[in-house]
Each structure stands twice: as C-alpha cells, then as structure tokens.
C-alpha cells in the first residue's frame, strides 16, 4: 500500500514537471506577450517529449543488450 502511494506520488511529480509546468509557463508568457519565453518553454516541452519517446528507450534497450551479453559470457566461462 505504501509502495503504491509512493509510485503514485513519483508519477504525479513526473507529470507535473514534464507536462504541466512547461505548458502553463508558456501560456503565461503568451498572455504577457513575451514570445521568446513562450518559445523557450514550448521547446523545453517538446524536447522532454522527444527524449522520453526516442532516446531514453533506445539507451535502455542498448543497456539491456549489453548486460544480457555480459551475463551470457559469464555463464559460458
């Protein structure tokens, strides 16, 4: 029960940091007609999403392949 609550809090923090904060800051910058701040926050939002969906899974897959290969060599010695 405590573990699920902790996982929920971590996931909620992740969502707040990666989605809600950049979008709300870009909205605030748009309302104050500060186009450079707005574009910075939107680029920040897009980079987070692009990295989460492309680079991080690829790096995790490569890491798992390397770890699996090391375990295979250790078992065959």
Protein backbone atom coordinates (compact mmCIF):
# COMPACT_ATOMS: atom_id res chain seq x y z
CA UNK A 1 0.00 0.00 0.00
CA UNK A 2 2.78 2.41 0.88
CA UNK A 3 4.72 1.42 -2.25
CA UNK A 4 1.71 2.17 -4.48
CA UNK A 5 1.27 5.56 -2.83
CA UNK A 6 4.95 6.36 -3.36
CA UNK A 7 4.75 5.25 -7.00
CA UNK A 8 1.70 7.45 -7.49
CA UNK A 9 3.48 10.46 -5.99
CA UNK A 10 6.54 9.91 -8.17
CA UNK A 11 4.37 9.59 -11.27
CA UNK A 12 2.38 12.72 -10.36
CA UNK A 13 5.63 14.65 -9.85
CA UNK A 14 6.90 13.40 -13.21
CA UNK A 15 3.72 14.53 -14.95
CA UNK A 16 3.82 17.93 -13.27
CA UNK A 17 7.45 18.55 -14.18
CA UNK A 18 7.32 17.29 -17.74
CA UNK A 19 3.87 18.40 -18.88
CA UNK A 20 2.05 20.90 -16.70
CA UNK A 21 4.85 23.30 -15.79
CA UNK A 22 6.21 23.96 -19.32
CA UNK A 23 2.71 24.34 -20.80
CA UNK A 24 1.49 26.65 -18.03
CA UNK A 25 4.65 28.76 -18.21
CA UNK A 26 4.28 29.04 -22.00
CA UNK A 27 0.64 30.06 -21.52
CA UNK A 28 1.66 32.72 -19.02
CA UNK A 29 4.33 34.03 -21.38
CA UNK A 30 1.80 34.11 -24.22
CA UNK A 31 -0.63 36.09 -22.07
CA UNK A 32 2.07 38.65 -21.29
CA UNK A 33 3.10 38.85 -24.99
CA UNK A 34 6.61 37.56 -24.28
CA UNK A 35 7.14 35.44 -27.37
CA UNK A 36 10.76 34.47 -26.61
CA UNK A 37 9.86 33.00 -23.21
CA UNK A 38 6.88 31.24 -24.74
CA UNK A 39 9.01 29.63 -27.44
CA UNK A 40 11.65 28.57 -24.89
CA UNK A 41 9.06 26.82 -22.73
CA UNK A 42 7.45 25.12 -25.72
CA UNK A 43 10.85 23.94 -26.98
CA UNK A 44 11.56 22.64 -23.47
CA UNK A 45 8.25 20.74 -23.54
CA UNK A 46 8.94 19.28 -26.99
CA UNK A 47 12.48 18.23 -26.08
CA UNK A 48 11.27 16.41 -22.97
CA UNK A 49 8.68 14.51 -25.00
CA UNK A 50 11.06 13.70 -27.85
CA UNK A 51 13.72 12.41 -25.46
CA UNK A 52 11.19 10.38 -23.46
CA UNK A 53 9.82 8.69 -26.55
CA UNK A 54 13.01 8.13 -28.56
CA UNK A 55 16.39 8.48 -26.91
CA UNK A 56 15.71 7.09 -23.43
CA UNK A 57 14.04 3.83 -24.61
CA UNK A 58 16.82 3.27 -27.15
CA UNK A 59 19.50 3.78 -24.49
CA UNK A 60 17.65 1.45 -22.11
CA UNK A 61 17.44 -1.21 -24.83
CA UNK A 62 21.17 -0.90 -25.59
CA UNK A 63 21.97 -1.13 -21.88
CA UNK A 64 19.85 -4.27 -21.52
CA UNK A 65 21.52 -5.86 -24.55
CA UNK A 66 24.98 -5.16 -23.13
CA UNK A 67 24.01 -6.51 -19.72
CA UNK A 68 22.48 -9.61 -21.30
CA UNK A 69 25.61 -10.19 -23.39
CA UNK A 70 27.85 -9.84 -20.32
CA UNK A 71 25.69 -12.35 -18.44
CA UNK A 72 25.86 -14.74 -21.42
CA UNK A 73 29.68 -14.56 -21.48
CA UNK A 74 29.86 -15.04 -17.71
CA UNK A 75 27.67 -18.15 -17.93
CA UNK A 76 29.78 -19.67 -20.73
CA UNK A 77 33.12 -19.31 -18.98
